[in-house]
């Protein structure tokens, strides 16, 4: 799916959820779609300032919080950066393969991994509400 189609899908999803997909939110989401790796908030701010000269850190953080809340993006915890989600609108476990050389971030889904984690958590009386697993290494191109 093209980035333009993905942005349109996000716009429709926000409308369906009763949330405003403002120009700034759309711009930040589109910037994340254009990246192959995770992007930090201040890197986003620098790029955003090229077209939105009055953009401030608080503006970017509020926008990222909105996109996170709706599931349009994910936070890569180990690098404190963000990536676009291409299959939002559903609750899903998140697993990332992160290249330590080029920064590529690949989101994968391993239902078996989630099932194992939930079963082990339940055995300890723990209820998992959110799951993100990050594996660092080298992508095919960097090996």
C-alpha atoms as a PDB file:
ATOM      1  CA  UNK A   1       0.000   0.000   0.000  1.00  0.00           C
ATOM      2  CA  UNK A   2       1.346   3.426  -0.904  1.00  0.00           C
ATOM      3  CA  UNK A   3       2.024   6.031   1.761  1.00  0.00           C
ATOM      4  CA  UNK A   4      -0.788   8.194   0.361  1.00  0.00           C
ATOM      5  CA  UNK A   5      -3.222   5.275   0.694  1.00  0.00           C
ATOM      6  CA  UNK A   6      -1.982   4.599   4.208  1.00  0.00           C
ATOM      7  CA  UNK A   7      -2.521   8.249   5.207  1.00  0.00           C
ATOM      8  CA  UNK A   8      -6.038   8.120   3.743  1.00  0.00           C
ATOM      9  CA  UNK A   9      -6.703   4.911   5.690  1.00  0.00           C
ATOM     10  CA  UNK A  10      -5.508   6.670   8.863  1.00  0.00           C
ATOM     11  CA  UNK A  11      -7.730   9.669   8.125  1.00  0.00           C
ATOM     12  CA  UNK A  12     -10.762   7.406   7.740  1.00  0.00           C
ATOM     13  CA  UNK A  13      -9.872   5.503  10.895  1.00  0.00           C
ATOM     14  CA  UNK A  14      -9.627   8.737  12.908  1.00  0.00           C
ATOM     15  CA  UNK A  15     -12.985   9.867  11.554  1.00  0.00           C
ATOM     16  CA  UNK A  16     -14.504   6.515  12.504  1.00  0.00           C
ATOM     17  CA  UNK A  17     -13.061   6.890  16.023  1.00  0.00           C
ATOM     18  CA  UNK A  18     -14.322  10.465  16.356  1.00  0.00           C
ATOM     19  CA  UNK A  19     -10.778  11.869  16.461  1.00  0.00           C
ATOM     20  CA  UNK A  20      -9.476  14.823  14.469  1.00  0.00           C
ATOM     21  CA  UNK A  21      -6.689  13.966  12.040  1.00  0.00           C
ATOM     22  CA  UNK A  22      -5.339  17.492  11.788  1.00  0.00           C
ATOM     23  CA  UNK A  23      -2.862  18.665   9.187  1.00  0.00           C
ATOM     24  CA  UNK A  24      -0.019  18.404  11.722  1.00  0.00           C
ATOM     25  CA  UNK A  25      -0.994  14.879  12.784  1.00  0.00           C
ATOM     26  CA  UNK A  26      -1.212  13.824   9.159  1.00  0.00           C
ATOM     27  CA  UNK A  27       2.165  15.400   8.401  1.00  0.00           C
ATOM     28  CA  UNK A  28       3.913  13.652  11.306  1.00  0.00           C
ATOM     29  CA  UNK A  29       2.314  10.321  10.415  1.00  0.00           C
ATOM     30  CA  UNK A  30       3.383  10.754   6.766  1.00  0.00           C
ATOM     31  CA  UNK A  31       6.943  11.598   7.866  1.00  0.00           C
ATOM     32  CA  UNK A  32       7.080   8.362   9.858  1.00  0.00           C
ATOM     33  CA  UNK A  33       5.721   6.394   6.905  1.00  0.00           C
ATOM     34  CA  UNK A  34       8.578   7.732   4.774  1.00  0.00           C
ATOM     35  CA  UNK A  35      11.250   6.367   7.132  1.00  0.00           C
ATOM     36  CA  UNK A  36      12.597   2.819   7.095  1.00  0.00           C
ATOM     37  CA  UNK A  37      13.680   3.060  10.706  1.00  0.00           C
ATOM     38  CA  UNK A  38      12.476   4.585  13.934  1.00  0.00           C
ATOM     39  CA  UNK A  39      12.658   8.362  14.297  1.00  0.00           C
ATOM     40  CA  UNK A  40      13.187  10.360  17.466  1.00  0.00           C
ATOM     41  CA  UNK A  41      10.942  13.250  18.413  1.00  0.00           C
ATOM     42  CA  UNK A  42      13.622  15.894  17.902  1.00  0.00           C
ATOM     43  CA  UNK A  43      14.549  14.482  14.483  1.00  0.00           C
ATOM     44  CA  UNK A  44      10.868  14.708  13.582  1.00  0.00           C
ATOM     45  CA  UNK A  45      10.826  18.277  14.864  1.00  0.00           C
ATOM     46  CA  UNK A  46      13.803  19.219  12.689  1.00  0.00           C
ATOM     47  CA  UNK A  47      12.129  17.757   9.597  1.00  0.00           C
ATOM     48  CA  UNK A  48       8.793  19.302  10.502  1.00  0.00           C
ATOM     49  CA  UNK A  49      10.335  22.764  10.863  1.00  0.00           C
ATOM     50  CA  UNK A  50      11.160  22.678   7.149  1.00  0.00           C
ATOM     51  CA  UNK A  51       7.449  23.140   6.405  1.00  0.00           C
ATOM     52  CA  UNK A  52       6.006  24.187   9.777  1.00  0.00           C
ATOM     53  CA  UNK A  53       8.358  26.901  11.024  1.00  0.00           C
ATOM     54  CA  UNK A  54       6.447  27.411  14.278  1.00  0.00           C
ATOM     55  CA  UNK A  55       6.645  23.739  15.342  1.00  0.00           C
ATOM     56  CA  UNK A  56       7.834  23.263  18.925  1.00  0.00           C
ATOM     57  CA  UNK A  57       8.866  20.164  20.915  1.00  0.00           C
ATOM     58  CA  UNK A  58       5.590  20.182  22.868  1.00  0.00           C
ATOM     59  CA  UNK A  59       3.657  20.199  19.594  1.00  0.00           C
ATOM     60  CA  UNK A  60       5.518  17.139  18.343  1.00  0.00           C
ATOM     61  CA  UNK A  61       5.118  15.288  21.638  1.00  0.00           C
ATOM     62  CA  UNK A  62       1.369  15.982  21.773  1.00  0.00           C
ATOM     63  CA  UNK A  63       1.053  14.788  18.190  1.00  0.00           C
ATOM     64  CA  UNK A  64       3.030  11.617  18.936  1.00  0.00           C
ATOM     65  CA  UNK A  65       0.863  10.973  22.013  1.00  0.00           C
ATOM     66  CA  UNK A  66      -2.255  11.268  19.867  1.00  0.00           C
ATOM     67  CA  UNK A  67      -0.879   8.901  17.216  1.00  0.00           C
ATOM     68  CA  UNK A  68       0.241   6.417  19.907  1.00  0.00           C
ATOM     69  CA  UNK A  69      -3.132   6.506  21.630  1.00  0.00           C
ATOM     70  CA  UNK A  70      -4.932   5.643  18.392  1.00  0.00           C
ATOM     71  CA  UNK A  71      -2.386   2.942  17.539  1.00  0.00           C
ATOM     72  CA  UNK A  72      -1.241   4.671  14.362  1.00  0.00           C
ATOM     73  CA  UNK A  73       2.382   4.494  15.519  1.00  0.00           C
ATOM     74  CA  UNK A  74       4.514   2.468  17.924  1.00  0.00           C
ATOM     75  CA  UNK A  75       7.250   3.554  20.298  1.00  0.00           C
ATOM     76  CA  UNK A  76      10.519   1.662  20.038  1.00  0.00           C
ATOM     77  CA  UNK A  77      11.336   1.686  23.730  1.00  0.00           C
ATOM     78  CA  UNK A  78      15.034   0.827  23.491  1.00  0.00           C
ATOM     79  CA  UNK A  79      15.791   3.829  21.292  1.00  0.00           C
ATOM     80  CA  UNK A  80      12.979   6.147  22.435  1.00  0.00           C
ATOM     81  CA  UNK A  81      11.904   6.561  18.821  1.00  0.00           C
ATOM     82  CA  UNK A  82       8.741   6.038  16.804  1.00  0.00           C
ATOM     83  CA  UNK A  83       7.613   4.012  13.771  1.00  0.00           C
ATOM     84  CA  UNK A  84       4.391   4.059  11.787  1.00  0.00           C
ATOM     85  CA  UNK A  85       1.991   1.160  12.220  1.00  0.00           C
ATOM     86  CA  UNK A  86       0.480  -0.129   8.992  1.00  0.00           C
ATOM     87  CA  UNK A  87      -2.284  -2.250  10.499  1.00  0.00           C
ATOM     88  CA  UNK A  88      -3.941  -0.088  13.111  1.00  0.00           C
ATOM     89  CA  UNK A  89      -7.476  -0.458  14.361  1.00  0.00           C
ATOM     90  CA  UNK A  90      -6.837  -3.759  16.080  1.00  0.00           C
ATOM     91  CA  UNK A  91      -5.106  -4.718  19.271  1.00  0.00           C
ATOM     92  CA  UNK A  92      -2.015  -6.674  18.384  1.00  0.00           C
ATOM     93  CA  UNK A  93       1.197  -7.780  20.009  1.00  0.00           C
ATOM     94  CA  UNK A  94       4.228  -5.873  18.826  1.00  0.00           C
ATOM     95  CA  UNK A  95       7.595  -7.375  18.036  1.00  0.00           C
ATOM     96  CA  UNK A  96      10.369  -5.440  16.354  1.00  0.00           C
ATOM     97  CA  UNK A  97      13.511  -6.554  14.576  1.00  0.00           C
ATOM     98  CA  UNK A  98      15.921  -3.612  14.849  1.00  0.00           C
ATOM     99  CA  UNK A  99      19.133  -3.348  12.844  1.00  0.00           C
ATOM    100  CA  UNK A 100      21.855  -1.846  15.015  1.00  0.00           C
ATOM    101  CA  UNK A 101      23.834  -0.799  11.940  1.00  0.00           C
ATOM    102  CA  UNK A 102      21.392   0.948   9.559  1.00  0.00           C
ATOM    103  CA  UNK A 103      18.448   1.492  11.916  1.00  0.00           C
ATOM    104  CA  UNK A 104      15.921  -0.532   9.912  1.00  0.00           C
ATOM    105  CA  UNK A 105      12.906  -1.455  12.051  1.00  0.00           C
ATOM    106  CA  UNK A 106      10.720  -4.329  10.920  1.00  0.00           C
ATOM    107  CA  UNK A 107       7.484  -5.026  12.764  1.00  0.00           C
ATOM    108  CA  UNK A 108       6.628  -8.709  12.881  1.00  0.00           C
ATOM    109  CA  UNK A 109       3.804 -10.663  14.447  1.00  0.00           C
ATOM    110  CA  UNK A 110       4.356 -13.969  16.127  1.00  0.00           C
ATOM    111  CA  UNK A 111       1.125 -15.162  17.676  1.00  0.00           C
ATOM    112  CA  UNK A 112       2.892 -18.163  19.190  1.00  0.00           C
ATOM    113  CA  UNK A 113       5.190 -15.839  21.084  1.00  0.00           C
ATOM    114  CA  UNK A 114       2.259 -13.893  22.494  1.00  0.00           C
ATOM    115  CA  UNK A 115       0.459 -17.086  23.513  1.00  0.00           C
ATOM    116  CA  UNK A 116       3.541 -18.349  25.336  1.00  0.00           C
ATOM    117  CA  UNK A 117       4.042 -15.037  27.125  1.00  0.00           C
ATOM    118  CA  UNK A 118       0.389 -14.846  28.221  1.00  0.00           C
ATOM    119  CA  UNK A 119       0.418 -18.435  29.503  1.00  0.00           C
ATOM    120  CA  UNK A 120       3.610 -17.868  31.464  1.00  0.00           C
ATOM    121  CA  UNK A 121       2.270 -14.593  32.869  1.00  0.00           C
ATOM    122  CA  UNK A 122      -0.976 -16.277  33.927  1.00  0.00           C
ATOM    123  CA  UNK A 123       1.004 -19.006  35.675  1.00  0.00           C
ATOM    124  CA  UNK A 124       2.470 -16.231  37.814  1.00  0.00           C
ATOM    125  CA  UNK A 125      -0.888 -14.542  38.397  1.00  0.00           C
ATOM    126  CA  UNK A 126      -0.024 -11.707  36.042  1.00  0.00           C
ATOM    127  CA  UNK A 127      -2.293 -10.267  33.365  1.00  0.00           C
ATOM    128  CA  UNK A 128      -0.534  -8.809  30.317  1.00  0.00           C
ATOM    129  CA  UNK A 129      -2.191  -5.624  29.046  1.00  0.00           C
ATOM    130  CA  UNK A 130       0.396  -4.605  26.448  1.00  0.00           C
ATOM    131  CA  UNK A 131       3.358  -6.362  24.904  1.00  0.00           C
ATOM    132  CA  UNK A 132       6.331  -5.049  22.958  1.00  0.00           C
ATOM    133  CA  UNK A 133       9.378  -7.178  22.263  1.00  0.00           C
ATOM    134  CA  UNK A 134      12.460  -5.754  20.584  1.00  0.00           C
ATOM    135  CA  UNK A 135      15.216  -7.870  19.069  1.00  0.00           C
ATOM    136  CA  UNK A 136      18.421  -6.099  18.042  1.00  0.00           C
ATOM    137  CA  UNK A 137      20.862  -7.415  15.465  1.00  0.00           C
ATOM    138  CA  UNK A 138      21.774  -6.962  11.815  1.00  0.00           C
ATOM    139  CA  UNK A 139      19.433  -6.935   8.824  1.00  0.00           C
ATOM    140  CA  UNK A 140      20.203  -8.878   5.663  1.00  0.00           C
ATOM    141  CA  UNK A 141      21.793  -5.856   3.985  1.00  0.00           C
ATOM    142  CA  UNK A 142      24.142  -5.172   6.914  1.00  0.00           C
ATOM    143  CA  UNK A 143      25.252  -8.743   7.618  1.00  0.00           C
END
